[in-house]
Protein backbone atom coordinates (compact mmCIF):
# COMPACT_ATOMS: atom_id res chain seq x y z
CA MET A 1 120.91 -9.85 -10.90
CA ALA A 2 123.41 -10.61 -8.15
CA GLU A 3 122.87 -14.34 -8.70
CA ILE A 4 123.48 -13.96 -12.44
CA LYS A 5 126.68 -12.03 -11.77
CA GLU A 6 127.83 -14.74 -9.40
CA LEU A 7 127.18 -17.45 -12.00
CA LEU A 8 128.98 -15.48 -14.70
CA ASN A 9 131.99 -15.06 -12.42
CA GLU A 10 132.03 -18.81 -11.87
CA PHE A 11 132.04 -19.50 -15.62
CA LYS A 12 134.79 -16.92 -16.06
CA TYR A 13 136.91 -18.60 -13.41
CA TYR A 14 136.64 -22.00 -15.12
CA ALA A 15 137.35 -20.47 -18.54
CA ASN A 16 140.45 -18.61 -17.36
CA ASN A 17 141.94 -21.32 -15.11
CA PRO A 18 142.20 -24.52 -17.15
CA LYS A 19 145.36 -25.68 -15.39
CA LYS A 20 143.69 -25.39 -11.99
CA GLN A 21 140.73 -27.34 -13.33
CA LEU A 22 142.98 -30.08 -14.67
CA ASP A 23 144.87 -30.30 -11.39
CA LYS A 24 141.56 -30.49 -9.50
CA TYR A 25 140.32 -33.43 -11.55
CA LEU A 26 143.67 -35.22 -11.24
CA ALA A 27 143.64 -34.67 -7.45
CA GLU A 28 140.21 -36.34 -7.37
CA GLY A 29 141.81 -39.45 -8.88
CA LYS A 30 140.38 -38.92 -12.37
CA LYS A 31 142.27 -39.32 -15.62
CA ALA A 32 142.09 -36.69 -18.37
CA VAL A 33 142.56 -36.78 -22.13
CA GLY A 34 143.33 -33.72 -24.23
CA ILE A 35 140.78 -33.00 -26.97
CA PHE A 36 142.40 -31.05 -29.80
CA PRO A 37 140.53 -29.27 -32.66
CA TYR A 38 138.36 -30.19 -34.57
CA TYR A 39 135.40 -32.57 -34.24
CA ALA A 40 137.10 -35.14 -32.03
CA PRO A 41 134.42 -37.49 -30.65
CA GLU A 42 134.99 -36.64 -27.01
CA GLU A 43 131.90 -38.57 -25.96
CA ILE A 44 134.11 -41.67 -26.22
CA VAL A 45 136.41 -40.24 -23.55
CA TYR A 46 133.51 -39.24 -21.31
CA ALA A 47 132.02 -42.74 -21.64
CA ALA A 48 135.29 -44.17 -20.31
CA GLY A 49 134.88 -42.22 -17.06
CA ILE A 50 137.74 -39.94 -18.14
CA VAL A 51 137.70 -36.14 -18.27
CA PRO A 52 137.75 -34.78 -21.85
CA PHE A 53 139.92 -31.66 -21.60
CA GLY A 54 139.84 -29.10 -24.40
CA VAL A 55 143.14 -27.94 -25.91
CA TRP A 56 142.68 -24.86 -28.10
CA GLY A 57 145.99 -23.08 -27.73
CA GLY A 58 145.92 -19.76 -25.92
CA GLN A 59 148.19 -16.87 -25.09
CA GLY A 60 151.76 -17.64 -24.11
CA PRO A 61 155.26 -18.07 -25.54
CA ILE A 62 155.99 -20.17 -28.61
CA GLU A 63 159.58 -21.42 -28.44
CA GLN A 64 159.98 -25.20 -28.58
CA ALA A 65 157.25 -25.65 -31.19
CA LYS A 66 159.34 -23.60 -33.65
CA ASN A 67 161.72 -26.57 -33.83
CA TYR A 68 158.97 -28.54 -35.57
CA PHE A 69 157.04 -25.90 -37.52
CA PRO A 70 157.88 -22.85 -39.60
CA THR A 71 157.05 -19.69 -37.67
CA PHE A 72 154.33 -18.78 -40.18
CA TYR A 73 152.08 -21.69 -39.15
CA TYR A 74 148.93 -20.42 -37.52
CA SER A 75 149.29 -19.71 -33.83
CA LEU A 76 146.60 -22.09 -32.61
CA ALA A 77 148.59 -25.13 -33.79
CA LEU A 78 151.92 -23.73 -32.63
CA ARG A 79 150.60 -22.96 -29.17
CA CYS A 80 148.91 -26.38 -28.84
CA LEU A 81 152.23 -28.12 -29.50
CA GLU A 82 154.09 -25.71 -27.22
CA MET A 83 151.71 -26.52 -24.36
CA ALA A 84 152.38 -30.23 -24.81
CA LEU A 85 156.14 -29.64 -24.82
CA ASP A 86 156.50 -27.07 -22.03
CA GLY A 87 154.66 -29.05 -19.34
CA THR A 88 151.35 -27.17 -19.46
CA LEU A 89 149.53 -30.37 -20.42
CA ASP A 90 151.41 -32.66 -18.02
CA GLY A 91 148.92 -34.92 -16.30
CA LEU A 92 147.01 -35.83 -19.44
CA SER A 93 146.89 -39.56 -20.09
CA ALA A 94 146.59 -39.10 -23.86
CA SER A 95 145.79 -36.56 -26.58
CA MET A 96 143.06 -37.04 -29.19
CA ILE A 97 144.21 -35.33 -32.39
CA THR A 98 142.43 -34.93 -35.74
CA THR A 99 143.71 -34.04 -39.22
CA LEU A 100 140.93 -31.97 -40.75
CA ASP A 101 143.04 -29.18 -42.22
CA ASP A 102 146.44 -28.79 -43.86
CA THR A 103 148.10 -27.65 -40.63
CA LEU A 104 146.74 -30.39 -38.40
CA ARG A 105 148.05 -33.15 -40.68
CA PRO A 106 151.73 -32.31 -40.10
CA PHE A 107 150.86 -31.22 -36.57
CA SER A 108 149.79 -34.77 -35.70
CA GLN A 109 153.07 -36.24 -36.94
CA ASN A 110 155.21 -33.58 -35.28
CA TYR A 111 153.30 -34.18 -32.06
CA LYS A 112 153.92 -37.92 -32.36
CA VAL A 113 157.70 -37.58 -32.55
CA SER A 114 157.93 -34.91 -29.86
CA ALA A 115 155.28 -34.56 -27.16
CA GLY A 116 153.80 -37.95 -28.10
CA ARG A 117 156.63 -39.67 -26.30
CA LYS A 118 155.30 -38.22 -23.04
CA ILE A 119 151.56 -37.94 -23.78
CA PRO A 120 150.43 -40.71 -26.20
CA MET A 121 148.48 -39.63 -29.27
CA ILE A 122 145.11 -41.07 -30.29
CA PHE A 123 145.03 -40.36 -34.02
CA LEU A 124 141.79 -39.65 -35.90
CA ASN A 125 141.89 -39.38 -39.68
CA HIS A 126 138.27 -38.47 -40.47
CA GLY A 127 136.96 -39.30 -43.92
CA GLN A 128 135.73 -36.18 -45.71
CA HIS A 129 133.21 -38.13 -47.83
CA ARG A 130 131.17 -38.38 -44.68
CA LYS A 131 127.59 -38.41 -45.99
CA GLU A 132 127.71 -41.53 -48.16
CA GLU A 133 127.19 -44.90 -46.48
CA PHE A 134 130.76 -45.97 -47.22
CA GLY A 135 131.95 -42.75 -45.58
CA LYS A 136 129.86 -43.35 -42.48
CA LYS A 137 131.17 -46.90 -42.19
CA TYR A 138 134.74 -45.69 -42.61
CA ASN A 139 134.39 -43.01 -39.93
CA ALA A 140 132.67 -45.50 -37.61
CA ARG A 141 135.77 -47.70 -37.93
CA ILE A 142 138.04 -44.71 -37.26
CA PHE A 143 136.08 -43.84 -34.11
CA ASN A 144 136.09 -47.46 -32.97
CA LYS A 145 139.85 -47.63 -33.42
CA ALA A 146 140.18 -44.49 -31.28
CA LYS A 147 138.01 -46.15 -28.64
CA GLU A 148 140.22 -49.24 -28.62
CA GLU A 149 143.39 -47.12 -28.35
CA LEU A 150 141.90 -45.19 -25.44
CA GLU A 151 140.94 -48.44 -23.70
CA LYS A 152 144.50 -49.71 -24.09
CA ILE A 153 146.28 -46.51 -23.01
CA CYS A 154 144.05 -45.84 -19.99
CA ASP A 155 143.28 -49.45 -19.08
CA VAL A 156 139.50 -48.98 -19.25
CA LYS A 157 136.54 -50.69 -20.88
CA ILE A 158 134.04 -48.55 -22.79
CA THR A 159 130.61 -50.14 -23.11
CA ASP A 160 127.86 -49.32 -25.58
CA GLU A 161 125.61 -48.52 -22.64
CA ASN A 162 128.04 -45.91 -21.30
CA LEU A 163 128.48 -44.44 -24.77
CA LYS A 164 124.74 -43.92 -25.10
CA LYS A 165 124.63 -42.31 -21.66
CA ALA A 166 127.44 -40.00 -22.80
CA PHE A 167 125.44 -39.09 -25.91
CA GLU A 168 122.50 -38.07 -23.72
CA VAL A 169 124.76 -35.90 -21.53
CA TYR A 170 126.34 -34.19 -24.53
CA ASN A 171 123.06 -33.68 -26.37
CA GLU A 172 121.67 -31.98 -23.26
CA ASN A 173 124.75 -29.77 -22.94
CA ARG A 174 124.54 -28.70 -26.59
CA ALA A 175 120.84 -27.90 -26.16
CA GLU A 176 121.52 -25.72 -23.11
CA LYS A 177 124.31 -23.90 -24.92
CA ARG A 178 122.05 -23.20 -27.89
CA LYS A 179 119.42 -21.87 -25.48
CA PHE A 180 122.01 -19.68 -23.76
CA ILE A 181 123.17 -18.21 -27.08
CA LYS A 182 119.61 -17.17 -27.88
CA LEU A 183 119.09 -15.73 -24.38
CA ALA A 184 122.37 -13.82 -24.48
CA ALA A 185 121.29 -12.19 -27.76
CA ILE A 186 118.19 -10.67 -26.17
CA HIS A 187 119.88 -9.71 -22.90
CA PRO A 188 122.89 -7.70 -24.16
CA GLN A 189 123.02 -5.47 -21.07
CA THR A 190 123.24 -8.46 -18.73
CA ILE A 191 125.44 -10.71 -20.86
CA LYS A 192 128.44 -8.88 -22.30
CA ALA A 193 130.39 -10.29 -25.23
CA SER A 194 133.11 -11.45 -22.82
CA ASP A 195 130.53 -13.17 -20.57
CA ARG A 196 129.13 -15.02 -23.58
CA CYS A 197 132.57 -16.25 -24.56
CA TYR A 198 133.49 -17.40 -21.05
CA VAL A 199 130.25 -19.33 -20.58
CA LEU A 200 130.90 -21.29 -23.78
CA LYS A 201 134.67 -21.62 -23.30
CA SER A 202 134.37 -22.96 -19.75
CA SER A 203 132.75 -26.16 -21.03
CA TYR A 204 136.11 -27.25 -22.51
CA PHE A 205 137.53 -27.51 -18.99
CA MET A 206 134.55 -29.02 -17.16
CA LEU A 207 132.82 -32.37 -17.21
CA LYS A 208 129.81 -31.76 -19.41
CA HIS A 209 127.20 -32.71 -16.82
CA GLU A 210 128.78 -30.22 -14.41
CA HIS A 211 128.71 -27.49 -17.03
CA THR A 212 125.10 -28.29 -17.92
CA GLU A 213 124.01 -28.08 -14.28
CA LEU A 214 125.57 -24.63 -13.91
CA LEU A 215 124.28 -23.43 -17.29
CA LYS A 216 120.72 -24.48 -16.51
CA LYS A 217 120.78 -22.20 -13.47
CA LEU A 218 121.96 -19.30 -15.60
CA ASN A 219 119.42 -19.95 -18.36
CA GLU A 220 116.58 -20.06 -15.83
CA LYS A 221 117.62 -16.68 -14.44
CA LEU A 222 117.88 -15.17 -17.92
CA GLU A 223 114.50 -16.55 -18.99
CA ALA A 224 112.92 -14.72 -16.06
CA LEU A 225 114.23 -11.36 -17.32
CA PRO A 226 112.47 -9.19 -19.90
CA GLU A 227 114.16 -8.58 -23.25
CA GLU A 228 116.63 -5.71 -23.10
CA SER A 229 117.13 -2.78 -25.42
CA TRP A 230 120.55 -2.11 -26.94
CA ASP A 231 122.04 1.03 -28.42
CA GLY A 232 125.28 -0.62 -29.51
CA VAL A 233 125.91 -2.81 -32.56
CA LYS A 234 124.66 -6.35 -32.97
CA VAL A 235 126.96 -8.72 -34.84
CA VAL A 236 127.53 -12.27 -35.96
CA THR A 237 131.14 -13.36 -35.44
CA SER A 238 132.90 -15.86 -37.69
CA GLY A 239 136.28 -17.57 -37.59
CA ILE A 240 138.16 -20.19 -35.60
CA ILE A 241 138.46 -18.65 -32.15
CA THR A 242 137.87 -15.23 -30.56
CA ASP A 243 138.71 -15.82 -26.90
CA ASN A 244 141.59 -13.34 -26.62
CA PRO A 245 140.98 -11.29 -23.41
CA GLY A 246 142.14 -8.09 -25.11
CA LEU A 247 139.71 -8.59 -27.99
CA LEU A 248 136.84 -9.31 -25.61
CA GLU A 249 137.63 -6.14 -23.68
CA VAL A 250 137.42 -4.17 -26.92
CA PHE A 251 134.06 -5.79 -27.67
CA ASP A 252 132.71 -4.77 -24.28
CA ASN A 253 134.08 -1.22 -24.44
CA TYR A 254 132.72 -0.66 -27.95
CA LYS A 255 129.30 -2.06 -27.03
CA VAL A 256 129.38 -5.05 -29.37
CA CYS A 257 126.61 -7.61 -28.79
CA VAL A 258 127.26 -11.02 -30.35
CA VAL A 259 123.78 -12.25 -31.29
CA ALA A 260 125.03 -15.42 -33.02
CA ASP A 261 128.31 -16.88 -34.15
CA ASP A 262 129.94 -19.05 -36.77
CA VAL A 263 133.05 -19.68 -34.67
CA ALA A 264 134.68 -23.12 -34.53
CA HIS A 265 135.51 -22.73 -30.84
CA GLU A 266 131.92 -21.76 -30.03
CA SER A 267 128.85 -22.72 -32.10
CA ARG A 268 130.01 -24.73 -35.11
CA ALA A 269 130.10 -28.00 -33.21
CA LEU A 270 126.84 -27.34 -31.32
CA LYS A 271 124.47 -27.49 -34.24
CA VAL A 272 124.04 -31.26 -34.56
CA ASP A 273 123.13 -33.76 -31.84
CA VAL A 274 123.77 -37.48 -31.82
CA ASP A 275 120.78 -39.46 -33.12
CA MET A 276 119.86 -41.67 -30.16
CA SER A 277 117.79 -44.00 -32.38
CA ILE A 278 120.91 -45.40 -34.10
CA GLU A 279 121.80 -48.62 -32.32
CA ASP A 280 125.54 -48.80 -33.09
CA PRO A 281 127.27 -46.00 -31.09
CA MET A 282 130.12 -45.64 -33.58
CA LEU A 283 127.69 -45.32 -36.48
CA ALA A 284 125.74 -42.78 -34.43
CA LEU A 285 128.91 -40.67 -34.09
CA ALA A 286 129.65 -41.09 -37.80
CA ASP A 287 126.08 -40.03 -38.63
CA GLN A 288 126.45 -36.94 -36.46
CA PHE A 289 129.67 -36.00 -38.26
CA ALA A 290 127.95 -36.62 -41.61
CA ARG A 291 125.35 -33.99 -40.73
CA MET A 292 127.93 -31.35 -39.82
CA ASP A 293 127.88 -28.70 -42.53
CA GLU A 294 128.71 -25.06 -43.28
CA ASP A 295 132.30 -25.35 -42.08
CA PRO A 296 135.24 -24.45 -44.34
CA ILE A 297 137.28 -27.43 -43.14
CA LEU A 298 134.55 -29.89 -44.19
CA TYR A 299 134.16 -30.96 -47.80
CA ASP A 300 130.93 -29.87 -49.46
CA PRO A 301 130.38 -29.91 -53.24
CA ASP A 302 127.82 -27.09 -52.85
CA ILE A 303 130.13 -24.07 -52.71
CA TYR A 304 127.22 -21.67 -52.15
CA LYS A 305 125.83 -23.34 -49.02
CA ARG A 306 128.27 -21.84 -46.52
CA PRO A 307 128.12 -18.18 -47.69
CA LYS A 308 124.32 -18.40 -47.59
CA TYR A 309 124.44 -19.93 -44.11
CA VAL A 310 126.61 -17.14 -42.65
CA LEU A 311 124.55 -14.46 -44.38
CA ASP A 312 121.33 -16.02 -43.09
CA LEU A 313 122.77 -16.01 -39.55
CA VAL A 314 123.05 -12.24 -39.83
CA LYS A 315 119.58 -11.80 -41.32
CA ASP A 316 117.74 -14.27 -39.06
CA ASN A 317 119.26 -12.78 -35.91
CA LYS A 318 118.69 -9.17 -37.03
CA ALA A 319 122.40 -8.42 -36.75
CA ASP A 320 123.94 -5.26 -38.19
CA GLY A 321 126.61 -7.29 -39.97
CA CYS A 322 129.36 -9.88 -39.61
CA LEU A 323 132.80 -9.58 -38.03
CA LEU A 324 135.08 -12.14 -39.69
CA PHE A 325 138.21 -12.98 -37.71
CA MET A 326 140.74 -14.48 -40.09
CA MET A 327 143.47 -16.37 -38.25
CA ASN A 328 146.80 -15.43 -39.78
CA PHE A 329 148.25 -18.10 -42.12
CA ASN A 330 145.12 -20.26 -42.07
CA ASP A 331 144.79 -21.20 -45.74
CA THR A 332 141.42 -22.93 -45.37
CA GLU A 333 139.60 -19.86 -44.12
CA GLU A 334 141.51 -17.49 -46.39
CA MET A 335 140.45 -19.42 -49.49
CA GLU A 336 136.77 -19.20 -48.62
CA TYR A 337 136.80 -15.46 -47.94
CA PRO A 338 136.11 -14.37 -51.55
CA SER A 339 132.86 -16.36 -51.68
CA LEU A 340 131.74 -14.86 -48.35
CA LYS A 341 132.56 -11.34 -49.44
CA GLN A 342 130.72 -11.81 -52.73
CA ALA A 343 127.58 -13.03 -50.95
CA PHE A 344 127.62 -10.17 -48.41
CA ASP A 345 128.36 -7.53 -51.04
CA LYS A 346 125.50 -8.78 -53.18
CA ALA A 347 123.12 -8.61 -50.19
CA LYS A 348 124.55 -5.20 -49.18
CA VAL A 349 125.25 -6.47 -45.66
CA PRO A 350 128.43 -5.23 -43.89
CA LEU A 351 131.24 -7.80 -43.59
CA ILE A 352 134.39 -6.62 -41.81
CA LYS A 353 137.46 -8.88 -42.06
CA MET A 354 140.04 -8.66 -39.28
CA GLY A 355 143.38 -10.43 -38.99
CA TYR A 356 143.57 -12.47 -35.81
CA ASP A 357 146.28 -14.22 -33.84
CA GLN A 358 146.07 -15.78 -30.38
CA GLN A 359 149.19 -13.89 -29.35
CA MET A 360 147.76 -10.47 -30.30
CA SER A 361 148.17 -7.73 -27.71
CA ASP A 362 147.73 -4.59 -29.83
CA PHE A 363 144.13 -4.10 -30.88
CA GLY A 364 144.45 -0.66 -32.44
CA GLN A 365 143.49 -1.94 -35.88
CA VAL A 366 140.50 -3.80 -34.47
CA LYS A 367 139.30 -0.63 -32.74
CA THR A 368 139.61 1.34 -35.99
CA GLN A 369 137.67 -1.31 -37.90
CA LEU A 370 134.96 -1.40 -35.24
CA GLU A 371 134.64 2.37 -35.46
CA THR A 372 134.28 2.06 -39.23
CA PHE A 373 131.72 -0.70 -38.79
CA ASN A 374 129.75 1.41 -36.32
CA GLU A 375 129.70 4.32 -38.78
CA ILE A 376 128.40 2.04 -41.53
CA VAL A 377 125.68 0.75 -39.20
CA GLN A 378 124.64 4.24 -38.08
CA LEU A 379 124.38 5.41 -41.69
CA SER A 380 122.26 2.40 -42.61
CA ARG A 381 119.93 3.12 -39.66
CA TRP A 382 119.34 6.63 -40.99
């Protein structure tokens, strides 16, 4: 158990000290590129011998970004731009930015005319008709253009051979993360909700092969332990991001075990690996994106697929219900809430919606809702 605790502390350090991690890589003579949400093909950056560095906002002031956005834009985007403007991201050679929701589209252009003067932007305009052949070809061209821009900005050459090696590294990392998520669900006494978050979050600030090496050690230790009993609640979490330290502390104190998640910052991008049998690396990335589903920011004509997916996550993992964290002013997730609620109500499975903001510091409402959720669960167990 002491070894597990030591490993968890290491993951927590990496998760909570991204700036120190960035400075370490830069001191080693490496270049780094910021990877902004969502679905940026960071394997291209890794294949260039450059550190892909996750940028998912975080707690901190929002001052300069207000000059480019209304204050009601969701905090993740505001904080990402603030970090690029206030010097937090200094040292990055470029930023890879996508446009997959209605906030990220203007975000990319505001970034270009502000922080983009200091940290060049690599722009990715994914095609939402991603499953058809024409869509795959279009996205392959978009990814190839990003590769060429990265080569020009960083003065590197990215070979097909190195891209395929990167795919192998990333596929292995995704597999180990999926294994960890399953192991964490059956070891709730050893892996707290905060531990689970930090293990997954740390990978945004580490080279993936380094993260995989550390995660394998943890998974091996967990596999050697017997399954653990749990007298708290078991939940599936859903939303964009839930890494607020105050929220995680509430989870731990209220004995919340996250047995699975539908969180963009955690599991949504882990579901699909790159098909190594596809010869053209850009088409392989486009094919991977084509197979991404059950995400509100991705177009899908089947409006019932996602509610069923989230509900099945709860059922398949024997969770007591779902905690839905709705980021304030995020229209995409707000519009899909009615379909989720309808599906959960019909199945008579608890779904608790909570407003969320990265700058939150008062979690009184969350505590009240968790108490209500716990009462519902206890009544259902009777």
